[in-house]
Amino acid sequence: MTSDDVVGLLADENRTRAFAAVALGAASAEEVAERAGLRARDALVALRRLQDGGVVTATDGGLRVSYDRLRGLARDAAEPRPEQDHGSGDERVEMVLRTFVRDGRLVRLPAQWNRKTLVLRHVAQRTFEPDRAYTEREVNDRLRVWCEGGQVDHVTLRRYLVDLHHLHRHDGVYRRPPEGTAQAG
């Protein structure tokens, strides 16, 4: 589990409330439900997910926050990561990609048009083979991977790729044009 996983775990309101109740001393599922204002079933589901994620543990004394685990994740997150190489061979392009693409995920789309085009071209090149036919479902599935944990949804990403001619759509079939034929439009 990474610090990003913990953020995702706590993005659910019931889990956050259950976690807070445990942090404030609730030692059982019943106490968590009462202190967090949750139904018993919702408290149990939230606690199970928190335990599976390793941020809450059940001991003989009851429920406890795994502070050692959280401190370890915080240390890991604070360590500098090696700069990711996206394989473009151009340092300016790499700098833009490092800002908007991390660990194979699209963090967000740039506001500046030429940077947005560059990032979208990168996504298209890494995701789709030139001139191969893809169904809309295949396109959506492949783009969802890029969007996990980011600020862009796969539908918006698909729309931009089509609008900028990084993907062509005809009768529900998508194709990435051969290199050199995509054009900003």
N, C-alpha and C. Protein backbone atom coordinates (compact mmCIF):
# COMPACT_ATOMS: atom_id res chain seq x y z
N MET A 1 0.84 -1.18 0.00
CA MET A 1 0.00 0.00 0.00
C MET A 1 0.88 1.24 0.00
N THR A 2 0.46 2.23 -0.76
CA THR A 2 1.19 3.49 -0.85
C THR A 2 0.37 4.58 -0.17
N SER A 3 1.00 5.75 -0.02
CA SER A 3 0.26 6.88 0.56
C SER A 3 -0.93 7.26 -0.32
N ASP A 4 -0.79 7.09 -1.63
CA ASP A 4 -1.93 7.35 -2.53
C ASP A 4 -3.08 6.39 -2.25
N ASP A 5 -2.74 5.13 -1.93
CA ASP A 5 -3.77 4.15 -1.59
C ASP A 5 -4.52 4.56 -0.33
N VAL A 6 -3.79 5.10 0.65
CA VAL A 6 -4.43 5.56 1.89
C VAL A 6 -5.36 6.72 1.60
N VAL A 7 -4.92 7.63 0.74
CA VAL A 7 -5.80 8.75 0.36
C VAL A 7 -7.06 8.21 -0.29
N GLY A 8 -6.92 7.25 -1.18
CA GLY A 8 -8.08 6.63 -1.82
C GLY A 8 -8.97 5.93 -0.82
N LEU A 9 -8.36 5.28 0.14
CA LEU A 9 -9.11 4.58 1.19
C LEU A 9 -9.94 5.56 2.00
N LEU A 10 -9.36 6.71 2.30
CA LEU A 10 -10.06 7.70 3.13
C LEU A 10 -10.93 8.66 2.32
N ALA A 11 -10.98 8.46 1.02
CA ALA A 11 -11.84 9.30 0.17
C ALA A 11 -13.32 8.98 0.38
N ASP A 12 -13.60 7.83 0.97
CA ASP A 12 -14.98 7.44 1.25
C ASP A 12 -15.38 8.01 2.62
N GLU A 13 -16.50 8.71 2.69
CA GLU A 13 -16.91 9.38 3.93
C GLU A 13 -17.10 8.40 5.09
N ASN A 14 -17.72 7.26 4.85
CA ASN A 14 -17.93 6.29 5.93
C ASN A 14 -16.61 5.79 6.49
N ARG A 15 -15.63 5.53 5.61
CA ARG A 15 -14.34 5.05 6.09
C ARG A 15 -13.61 6.15 6.87
N THR A 16 -13.73 7.39 6.41
CA THR A 16 -13.09 8.49 7.13
C THR A 16 -13.70 8.66 8.51
N ARG A 17 -15.01 8.57 8.58
CA ARG A 17 -15.68 8.71 9.89
C ARG A 17 -15.31 7.56 10.81
N ALA A 18 -15.24 6.33 10.27
CA ALA A 18 -14.86 5.17 11.07
C ALA A 18 -13.41 5.31 11.54
N PHE A 19 -12.54 5.75 10.65
CA PHE A 19 -11.13 5.95 11.02
C PHE A 19 -11.02 6.99 12.14
N ALA A 20 -11.75 8.09 12.01
CA ALA A 20 -11.71 9.14 13.03
C ALA A 20 -12.21 8.60 14.37
N ALA A 21 -13.25 7.80 14.34
CA ALA A 21 -13.78 7.23 15.59
C ALA A 21 -12.74 6.34 16.26
N VAL A 22 -12.04 5.54 15.47
CA VAL A 22 -10.98 4.68 16.04
C VAL A 22 -9.86 5.56 16.58
N ALA A 23 -9.46 6.57 15.85
CA ALA A 23 -8.40 7.48 16.31
C ALA A 23 -8.78 8.17 17.61
N LEU A 24 -10.08 8.40 17.80
CA LEU A 24 -10.54 9.07 19.03
C LEU A 24 -10.89 8.08 20.14
N GLY A 25 -10.58 6.80 19.93
CA GLY A 25 -10.70 5.85 21.03
C GLY A 25 -11.77 4.78 20.92
N ALA A 26 -12.57 4.76 19.87
CA ALA A 26 -13.56 3.70 19.73
C ALA A 26 -12.83 2.38 19.58
N ALA A 27 -13.18 1.41 20.41
CA ALA A 27 -12.43 0.15 20.44
C ALA A 27 -13.19 -1.02 19.81
N SER A 28 -14.44 -0.81 19.43
CA SER A 28 -15.23 -1.90 18.84
C SER A 28 -16.06 -1.34 17.69
N ALA A 29 -16.58 -2.25 16.87
CA ALA A 29 -17.42 -1.84 15.75
C ALA A 29 -18.67 -1.11 16.25
N GLU A 30 -19.19 -1.55 17.38
CA GLU A 30 -20.38 -0.88 17.92
C GLU A 30 -20.07 0.55 18.33
N GLU A 31 -18.91 0.74 18.98
CA GLU A 31 -18.51 2.10 19.38
C GLU A 31 -18.24 2.97 18.16
N VAL A 32 -17.64 2.39 17.14
CA VAL A 32 -17.37 3.14 15.91
C VAL A 32 -18.70 3.60 15.30
N ALA A 33 -19.67 2.69 15.20
CA ALA A 33 -20.97 3.04 14.62
C ALA A 33 -21.61 4.17 15.41
N GLU A 34 -21.55 4.07 16.72
CA GLU A 34 -22.18 5.09 17.58
C GLU A 34 -21.47 6.44 17.45
N ARG A 35 -20.15 6.44 17.59
CA ARG A 35 -19.40 7.71 17.57
C ARG A 35 -19.37 8.35 16.18
N ALA A 36 -19.37 7.52 15.15
CA ALA A 36 -19.28 8.05 13.79
C ALA A 36 -20.66 8.34 13.19
N GLY A 37 -21.73 7.96 13.90
CA GLY A 37 -23.07 8.17 13.37
C GLY A 37 -23.36 7.31 12.15
N LEU A 38 -22.83 6.08 12.16
CA LEU A 38 -23.03 5.17 11.03
C LEU A 38 -23.94 4.02 11.43
N ARG A 39 -24.62 3.45 10.45
CA ARG A 39 -25.36 2.21 10.70
C ARG A 39 -24.33 1.12 11.00
N ALA A 40 -24.72 0.11 11.75
CA ALA A 40 -23.80 -0.95 12.15
C ALA A 40 -23.16 -1.61 10.93
N ARG A 41 -23.95 -1.90 9.93
CA ARG A 41 -23.41 -2.55 8.72
C ARG A 41 -22.39 -1.66 8.03
N ASP A 42 -22.69 -0.36 7.91
CA ASP A 42 -21.75 0.57 7.26
C ASP A 42 -20.44 0.67 8.05
N ALA A 43 -20.55 0.65 9.36
CA ALA A 43 -19.35 0.70 10.21
C ALA A 43 -18.51 -0.55 10.00
N LEU A 44 -19.16 -1.71 9.94
CA LEU A 44 -18.42 -2.97 9.73
C LEU A 44 -17.72 -2.99 8.37
N VAL A 45 -18.42 -2.56 7.34
CA VAL A 45 -17.83 -2.53 6.00
C VAL A 45 -16.64 -1.57 5.98
N ALA A 46 -16.80 -0.40 6.55
CA ALA A 46 -15.72 0.59 6.58
C ALA A 46 -14.52 0.05 7.36
N LEU A 47 -14.77 -0.55 8.50
CA LEU A 47 -13.67 -1.10 9.31
C LEU A 47 -12.95 -2.23 8.58
N ARG A 48 -13.69 -3.06 7.89
CA ARG A 48 -13.06 -4.15 7.14
C ARG A 48 -12.11 -3.59 6.08
N ARG A 49 -12.54 -2.57 5.37
CA ARG A 49 -11.69 -1.96 4.34
C ARG A 49 -10.47 -1.28 4.97
N LEU A 50 -10.67 -0.61 6.12
CA LEU A 50 -9.55 0.04 6.80
C LEU A 50 -8.54 -0.99 7.31
N GLN A 51 -9.03 -2.13 7.77
CA GLN A 51 -8.14 -3.20 8.23
C GLN A 51 -7.43 -3.83 7.04
N ASP A 52 -8.15 -4.07 5.95
CA ASP A 52 -7.52 -4.62 4.75
C ASP A 52 -6.43 -3.69 4.23
N GLY A 53 -6.65 -2.39 4.38
CA GLY A 53 -5.67 -1.39 3.95
C GLY A 53 -4.53 -1.21 4.93
N GLY A 54 -4.63 -1.82 6.09
CA GLY A 54 -3.54 -1.78 7.06
C GLY A 54 -3.45 -0.52 7.89
N VAL A 55 -4.48 0.34 7.86
CA VAL A 55 -4.41 1.57 8.65
C VAL A 55 -5.12 1.43 9.99
N VAL A 56 -5.90 0.38 10.16
CA VAL A 56 -6.55 0.06 11.43
C VAL A 56 -6.28 -1.41 11.70
N THR A 57 -5.97 -1.73 12.96
CA THR A 57 -5.75 -3.13 13.34
C THR A 57 -6.69 -3.48 14.49
N ALA A 58 -7.02 -4.75 14.57
CA ALA A 58 -7.82 -5.26 15.69
C ALA A 58 -6.87 -6.05 16.59
N THR A 59 -6.81 -5.67 17.85
CA THR A 59 -5.97 -6.36 18.82
C THR A 59 -6.85 -6.85 19.95
N ASP A 60 -6.25 -7.52 20.93
CA ASP A 60 -7.02 -7.98 22.09
C ASP A 60 -7.67 -6.81 22.81
N GLY A 61 -7.03 -5.65 22.77
CA GLY A 61 -7.56 -4.46 23.43
C GLY A 61 -8.57 -3.71 22.60
N GLY A 62 -8.86 -4.18 21.41
CA GLY A 62 -9.83 -3.52 20.55
C GLY A 62 -9.18 -2.97 19.29
N LEU A 63 -9.82 -2.01 18.70
CA LEU A 63 -9.35 -1.42 17.45
C LEU A 63 -8.31 -0.34 17.74
N ARG A 64 -7.30 -0.27 16.85
CA ARG A 64 -6.24 0.73 16.99
C ARG A 64 -5.85 1.24 15.62
N VAL A 65 -5.47 2.51 15.56
CA VAL A 65 -4.89 3.07 14.34
C VAL A 65 -3.46 2.55 14.23
N SER A 66 -3.05 2.16 13.05
CA SER A 66 -1.69 1.65 12.80
C SER A 66 -0.77 2.84 12.52
N TYR A 67 -0.41 3.55 13.60
CA TYR A 67 0.42 4.75 13.44
C TYR A 67 1.79 4.43 12.86
N ASP A 68 2.38 3.29 13.23
CA ASP A 68 3.68 2.93 12.66
C ASP A 68 3.57 2.79 11.14
N ARG A 69 2.51 2.16 10.70
CA ARG A 69 2.29 1.98 9.26
C ARG A 69 2.13 3.34 8.57
N LEU A 70 1.36 4.24 9.18
CA LEU A 70 1.15 5.56 8.60
C LEU A 70 2.45 6.36 8.57
N ARG A 71 3.26 6.27 9.63
CA ARG A 71 4.55 6.97 9.65
C ARG A 71 5.46 6.44 8.54
N GLY A 72 5.46 5.12 8.34
CA GLY A 72 6.27 4.52 7.28
C GLY A 72 5.84 5.01 5.90
N LEU A 73 4.54 5.08 5.69
CA LEU A 73 4.03 5.59 4.41
C LEU A 73 4.40 7.06 4.21
N ALA A 74 4.35 7.84 5.29
CA ALA A 74 4.72 9.25 5.20
C ALA A 74 6.20 9.40 4.86
N ARG A 75 7.05 8.56 5.46
CA ARG A 75 8.49 8.59 5.14
C ARG A 75 8.72 8.24 3.67
N ASP A 76 8.04 7.19 3.22
CA ASP A 76 8.20 6.77 1.82
C ASP A 76 7.76 7.87 0.86
N ALA A 77 6.66 8.53 1.19
CA ALA A 77 6.15 9.59 0.32
C ALA A 77 7.07 10.80 0.30
N ALA A 78 7.81 11.03 1.40
CA ALA A 78 8.69 12.19 1.50
C ALA A 78 10.01 11.98 0.77
N GLU A 79 10.38 10.71 0.52
CA GLU A 79 11.64 10.44 -0.17
C GLU A 79 11.54 10.88 -1.61
N PRO A 80 12.58 11.53 -2.11
CA PRO A 80 12.53 11.96 -3.51
C PRO A 80 12.51 10.74 -4.44
N ARG A 81 11.66 10.82 -5.43
CA ARG A 81 11.58 9.75 -6.43
C ARG A 81 12.53 10.06 -7.57
N PRO A 82 13.09 9.01 -8.16
CA PRO A 82 13.91 9.29 -9.34
C PRO A 82 13.03 9.87 -10.44
N GLU A 83 13.60 10.77 -11.22
CA GLU A 83 12.81 11.36 -12.29
C GLU A 83 12.43 10.29 -13.30
N GLN A 84 11.19 10.31 -13.69
CA GLN A 84 10.68 9.33 -14.63
C GLN A 84 11.06 9.74 -16.05
N ASP A 85 11.51 8.77 -16.83
CA ASP A 85 11.85 9.02 -18.22
C ASP A 85 10.71 8.46 -19.09
N HIS A 86 10.08 9.31 -19.86
CA HIS A 86 8.96 8.90 -20.71
C HIS A 86 9.41 8.51 -22.11
N GLY A 87 10.72 8.56 -22.35
CA GLY A 87 11.27 8.06 -23.61
C GLY A 87 11.14 8.98 -24.80
N SER A 88 10.90 10.26 -24.57
CA SER A 88 10.73 11.16 -25.71
C SER A 88 12.07 11.58 -26.31
N GLY A 89 13.12 11.59 -25.48
CA GLY A 89 14.43 12.02 -25.96
C GLY A 89 14.59 13.54 -25.99
N ASP A 90 13.57 14.27 -25.61
CA ASP A 90 13.61 15.73 -25.61
C ASP A 90 13.37 16.21 -24.18
N GLU A 91 14.34 16.91 -23.60
CA GLU A 91 14.24 17.31 -22.19
C GLU A 91 13.05 18.23 -21.94
N ARG A 92 12.71 19.11 -22.89
CA ARG A 92 11.55 19.99 -22.71
C ARG A 92 10.27 19.17 -22.65
N VAL A 93 10.14 18.19 -23.53
CA VAL A 93 8.97 17.32 -23.54
C VAL A 93 8.93 16.50 -22.24
N GLU A 94 10.08 15.99 -21.83
CA GLU A 94 10.15 15.21 -20.59
C GLU A 94 9.69 16.03 -19.39
N MET A 95 10.09 17.30 -19.35
CA MET A 95 9.70 18.15 -18.23
C MET A 95 8.18 18.31 -18.17
N VAL A 96 7.56 18.51 -19.31
CA VAL A 96 6.10 18.64 -19.36
C VAL A 96 5.45 17.32 -18.94
N LEU A 97 5.93 16.21 -19.49
CA LEU A 97 5.34 14.91 -19.16
C LEU A 97 5.50 14.57 -17.68
N ARG A 98 6.67 14.88 -17.10
CA ARG A 98 6.86 14.61 -15.66
C ARG A 98 5.88 15.40 -14.80
N THR A 99 5.47 16.56 -15.29
CA THR A 99 4.53 17.39 -14.54
C THR A 99 3.12 16.82 -14.58
N PHE A 100 2.73 16.26 -15.72
CA PHE A 100 1.34 15.86 -15.90
C PHE A 100 1.10 14.35 -15.95
N VAL A 101 2.15 13.56 -16.10
CA VAL A 101 2.02 12.11 -16.17
C VAL A 101 2.95 11.51 -15.12
N ARG A 102 2.37 10.78 -14.18
CA ARG A 102 3.18 10.14 -13.13
C ARG A 102 2.79 8.68 -12.99
N ASP A 103 3.79 7.82 -13.02
CA ASP A 103 3.58 6.39 -12.83
C ASP A 103 2.51 5.84 -13.78
N GLY A 104 2.53 6.30 -15.02
CA GLY A 104 1.58 5.79 -16.02
C GLY A 104 0.18 6.31 -15.84
N ARG A 105 0.01 7.37 -15.07
CA ARG A 105 -1.30 7.96 -14.82
C ARG A 105 -1.28 9.44 -15.21
N LEU A 106 -2.39 9.90 -15.72
CA LEU A 106 -2.54 11.31 -16.07
C LEU A 106 -3.01 12.05 -14.83
N VAL A 107 -2.15 12.90 -14.27
CA VAL A 107 -2.49 13.64 -13.06
C VAL A 107 -3.59 14.65 -13.37
N ARG A 108 -3.37 15.41 -14.43
CA ARG A 108 -4.35 16.39 -14.92
C ARG A 108 -3.91 16.82 -16.30
N LEU A 109 -4.79 17.48 -17.01
CA LEU A 109 -4.43 18.00 -18.32
C LEU A 109 -3.92 19.43 -18.17
N PRO A 110 -2.89 19.78 -18.91
CA PRO A 110 -2.40 21.16 -18.85
C PRO A 110 -3.43 22.14 -19.41
N ALA A 111 -3.41 23.35 -18.91
CA ALA A 111 -4.30 24.38 -19.43
C ALA A 111 -3.75 24.94 -20.74
N GLN A 112 -2.42 25.03 -20.83
CA GLN A 112 -1.77 25.59 -22.02
C GLN A 112 -1.94 24.61 -23.19
N TRP A 113 -2.44 25.13 -24.30
CA TRP A 113 -2.83 24.30 -25.43
C TRP A 113 -1.69 23.43 -25.97
N ASN A 114 -0.50 24.00 -26.19
CA ASN A 114 0.58 23.21 -26.79
C ASN A 114 1.04 22.11 -25.83
N ARG A 115 1.00 22.35 -24.54
CA ARG A 115 1.34 21.30 -23.56
C ARG A 115 0.25 20.22 -23.54
N LYS A 116 -0.99 20.65 -23.63
CA LYS A 116 -2.11 19.69 -23.65
C LYS A 116 -1.97 18.77 -24.86
N THR A 117 -1.66 19.34 -26.01
CA THR A 117 -1.47 18.54 -27.23
C THR A 117 -0.34 17.55 -27.06
N LEU A 118 0.76 17.98 -26.47
CA LEU A 118 1.91 17.12 -26.25
C LEU A 118 1.56 15.94 -25.33
N VAL A 119 0.86 16.22 -24.24
CA VAL A 119 0.47 15.18 -23.29
C VAL A 119 -0.51 14.20 -23.94
N LEU A 120 -1.48 14.72 -24.68
CA LEU A 120 -2.45 13.84 -25.34
C LEU A 120 -1.79 12.97 -26.41
N ARG A 121 -0.83 13.51 -27.13
CA ARG A 121 -0.10 12.71 -28.12
C ARG A 121 0.64 11.57 -27.41
N HIS A 122 1.25 11.87 -26.27
CA HIS A 122 1.95 10.86 -25.48
C HIS A 122 0.98 9.75 -25.05
N VAL A 123 -0.18 10.13 -24.55
CA VAL A 123 -1.18 9.15 -24.12
C VAL A 123 -1.59 8.27 -25.31
N ALA A 124 -1.86 8.88 -26.44
CA ALA A 124 -2.27 8.11 -27.63
C ALA A 124 -1.17 7.15 -28.07
N GLN A 125 0.06 7.62 -28.10
CA GLN A 125 1.17 6.77 -28.56
C GLN A 125 1.43 5.60 -27.61
N ARG A 126 1.24 5.82 -26.33
CA ARG A 126 1.50 4.77 -25.34
C ARG A 126 0.33 3.81 -25.19
N THR A 127 -0.84 4.18 -25.70
CA THR A 127 -2.04 3.40 -25.44
C THR A 127 -2.55 2.64 -26.65
N PHE A 128 -2.38 3.20 -27.83
CA PHE A 128 -2.99 2.62 -29.02
C PHE A 128 -1.96 2.38 -30.12
N GLU A 129 -2.06 1.21 -30.74
CA GLU A 129 -1.19 0.89 -31.88
C GLU A 129 -1.73 1.62 -33.11
N PRO A 130 -0.84 2.12 -33.96
CA PRO A 130 -1.30 2.80 -35.17
C PRO A 130 -2.10 1.85 -36.07
N ASP A 131 -3.19 2.37 -36.59
CA ASP A 131 -4.03 1.70 -37.59
C ASP A 131 -4.70 0.42 -37.11
N ARG A 132 -4.71 0.15 -35.83
CA ARG A 132 -5.44 -1.00 -35.30
C ARG A 132 -6.84 -0.54 -34.90
N ALA A 133 -7.84 -1.36 -35.16
CA ALA A 133 -9.22 -1.02 -34.82
C ALA A 133 -9.49 -1.32 -33.35
N TYR A 134 -10.16 -0.39 -32.66
CA TYR A 134 -10.53 -0.55 -31.26
C TYR A 134 -12.02 -0.24 -31.12
N THR A 135 -12.73 -1.05 -30.34
CA THR A 135 -14.12 -0.73 -30.03
C THR A 135 -14.14 0.39 -29.01
N GLU A 136 -15.29 1.03 -28.85
CA GLU A 136 -15.39 2.09 -27.85
C GLU A 136 -15.12 1.55 -26.45
N ARG A 137 -15.57 0.34 -26.18
CA ARG A 137 -15.32 -0.27 -24.87
C ARG A 137 -13.81 -0.46 -24.63
N GLU A 138 -13.08 -0.92 -25.65
CA GLU A 138 -11.62 -1.09 -25.51
C GLU A 138 -10.95 0.26 -25.26
N VAL A 139 -11.38 1.27 -25.99
CA VAL A 139 -10.81 2.61 -25.82
C VAL A 139 -11.08 3.09 -24.39
N ASN A 140 -12.32 2.94 -23.93
CA ASN A 140 -12.67 3.38 -22.58
C ASN A 140 -11.85 2.64 -21.53
N ASP A 141 -11.72 1.33 -21.67
CA ASP A 141 -10.96 0.53 -20.70
C ASP A 141 -9.50 0.97 -20.65
N ARG A 142 -8.91 1.22 -21.80
CA ARG A 142 -7.51 1.64 -21.85
C ARG A 142 -7.33 3.04 -21.28
N LEU A 143 -8.27 3.93 -21.52
CA LEU A 143 -8.15 5.30 -21.02
C LEU A 143 -8.45 5.40 -19.52
N ARG A 144 -9.30 4.52 -19.02
CA ARG A 144 -9.59 4.52 -17.57
C ARG A 144 -8.31 4.33 -16.76
N VAL A 145 -7.41 3.51 -17.26
CA VAL A 145 -6.15 3.27 -16.56
C VAL A 145 -5.38 4.58 -16.40
N TRP A 146 -5.38 5.40 -17.43
CA TRP A 146 -4.68 6.69 -17.36
C TRP A 146 -5.34 7.64 -16.35
N CYS A 147 -6.64 7.47 -16.14
CA CYS A 147 -7.40 8.44 -15.35
C CYS A 147 -7.50 8.09 -13.87
N GLU A 148 -7.11 6.89 -13.48
CA GLU A 148 -7.23 6.48 -12.07
C GLU A 148 -6.48 7.45 -11.16
N GLY A 149 -7.21 8.02 -10.22
CA GLY A 149 -6.61 8.92 -9.24
C GLY A 149 -6.32 10.32 -9.76
N GLY A 150 -6.67 10.59 -10.99
CA GLY A 150 -6.41 11.91 -11.56
C GLY A 150 -7.64 12.78 -11.59
N GLN A 151 -7.52 13.91 -12.25
CA GLN A 151 -8.62 14.87 -12.31
C GLN A 151 -9.39 14.80 -13.62
N VAL A 152 -8.99 13.92 -14.52
CA VAL A 152 -9.62 13.82 -15.84
C VAL A 152 -10.34 12.48 -15.93
N ASP A 153 -11.53 12.49 -16.50
CA ASP A 153 -12.24 11.22 -16.69
C ASP A 153 -11.97 10.70 -18.10
N HIS A 154 -12.19 9.42 -18.29
CA HIS A 154 -11.86 8.77 -19.57
C HIS A 154 -12.68 9.31 -20.74
N VAL A 155 -13.89 9.77 -20.48
CA VAL A 155 -14.74 10.30 -21.56
C VAL A 155 -14.15 11.61 -22.09
N THR A 156 -13.74 12.48 -21.18
CA THR A 156 -13.11 13.75 -21.58
C THR A 156 -11.82 13.47 -22.33
N LEU A 157 -11.04 12.54 -21.83
CA LEU A 157 -9.78 12.19 -22.47
C LEU A 157 -10.03 11.66 -23.89
N ARG A 158 -11.01 10.78 -24.04
CA ARG A 158 -11.35 10.22 -25.36
C ARG A 158 -11.78 11.34 -26.32
N ARG A 159 -12.60 12.26 -25.81
CA ARG A 159 -13.09 13.36 -26.64
C ARG A 159 -11.93 14.22 -27.16
N TYR A 160 -11.00 14.55 -26.27
CA TYR A 160 -9.83 15.33 -26.69
C TYR A 160 -9.00 14.58 -27.73
N LEU A 161 -8.79 13.29 -27.51
CA LEU A 161 -7.99 12.50 -28.46
C LEU A 161 -8.64 12.48 -29.84
N VAL A 162 -9.97 12.40 -29.89
CA VAL A 162 -10.68 12.42 -31.17
C VAL A 162 -10.63 13.83 -31.77
N ASP A 163 -10.92 14.84 -30.95
CA ASP A 163 -10.93 16.22 -31.45
C ASP A 163 -9.57 16.64 -32.02
N LEU A 164 -8.49 16.14 -31.41
CA LEU A 164 -7.15 16.52 -31.86
C LEU A 164 -6.59 15.53 -32.89
N HIS A 165 -7.42 14.60 -33.33
CA HIS A 165 -7.06 13.64 -34.37
C HIS A 165 -5.97 12.67 -33.95
N HIS A 166 -5.82 12.46 -32.65
CA HIS A 166 -4.91 11.42 -32.17
C HIS A 166 -5.61 10.07 -32.25
N LEU A 167 -6.94 10.10 -32.31
CA LEU A 167 -7.77 8.92 -32.59
C LEU A 167 -8.81 9.35 -33.61
N HIS A 168 -9.07 8.47 -34.54
CA HIS A 168 -10.15 8.71 -35.50
C HIS A 168 -11.29 7.76 -35.15
N ARG A 169 -12.52 8.27 -35.28
CA ARG A 169 -13.70 7.45 -34.99
C ARG A 169 -14.58 7.39 -36.23
N HIS A 170 -14.98 6.17 -36.56
CA HIS A 170 -15.89 5.99 -37.69
C HIS A 170 -16.76 4.77 -37.39
N ASP A 171 -18.07 4.97 -37.37
CA ASP A 171 -19.03 3.89 -37.09
C ASP A 171 -18.71 3.14 -35.81
N GLY A 172 -18.34 3.87 -34.78
CA GLY A 172 -18.09 3.26 -33.48
C GLY A 172 -16.76 2.53 -33.36
N VAL A 173 -15.92 2.65 -34.38
CA VAL A 173 -14.60 2.02 -34.36
C VAL A 173 -13.55 3.13 -34.31
N TYR A 174 -12.58 2.95 -33.43
CA TYR A 174 -11.53 3.94 -33.22
C TYR A 174 -10.22 3.41 -33.77
N ARG A 175 -9.42 4.30 -34.36
CA ARG A 175 -8.08 3.95 -34.85
C ARG A 175 -7.14 5.11 -34.56
N ARG A 176 -5.93 4.77 -34.20
CA ARG A 176 -4.90 5.80 -34.09
C ARG A 176 -4.24 5.90 -35.46
N PRO A 177 -4.19 7.09 -36.02
CA PRO A 177 -3.59 7.23 -37.35
C PRO A 177 -2.09 6.92 -37.31
N PRO A 178 -1.52 6.52 -38.43
CA PRO A 178 -0.07 6.29 -38.47
C PRO A 178 0.68 7.57 -38.09
N GLU A 179 1.90 7.43 -37.56
CA GLU A 179 2.71 8.59 -37.15
C GLU A 179 2.81 9.61 -38.28
N GLY A 180 2.76 10.88 -37.89
CA GLY A 180 2.92 11.94 -38.86
C GLY A 180 1.64 12.38 -39.54
N THR A 181 0.53 11.65 -39.31
CA THR A 181 -0.74 12.04 -39.96
C THR A 181 -1.69 12.71 -38.99
N ALA A 182 -1.43 12.60 -37.65
CA ALA A 182 -2.31 13.27 -36.67
C ALA A 182 -2.04 14.76 -36.77
N GLN A 183 -3.10 15.53 -36.65
CA GLN A 183 -2.95 16.99 -36.74
C GLN A 183 -3.86 17.64 -35.73
N ALA A 184 -3.41 18.76 -35.20
CA ALA A 184 -4.25 19.51 -34.27
C ALA A 184 -5.36 20.15 -35.06
N GLY A 185 -6.55 20.09 -34.51
CA GLY A 185 -7.67 20.65 -35.27
C GLY A 185 -8.49 21.40 -34.41
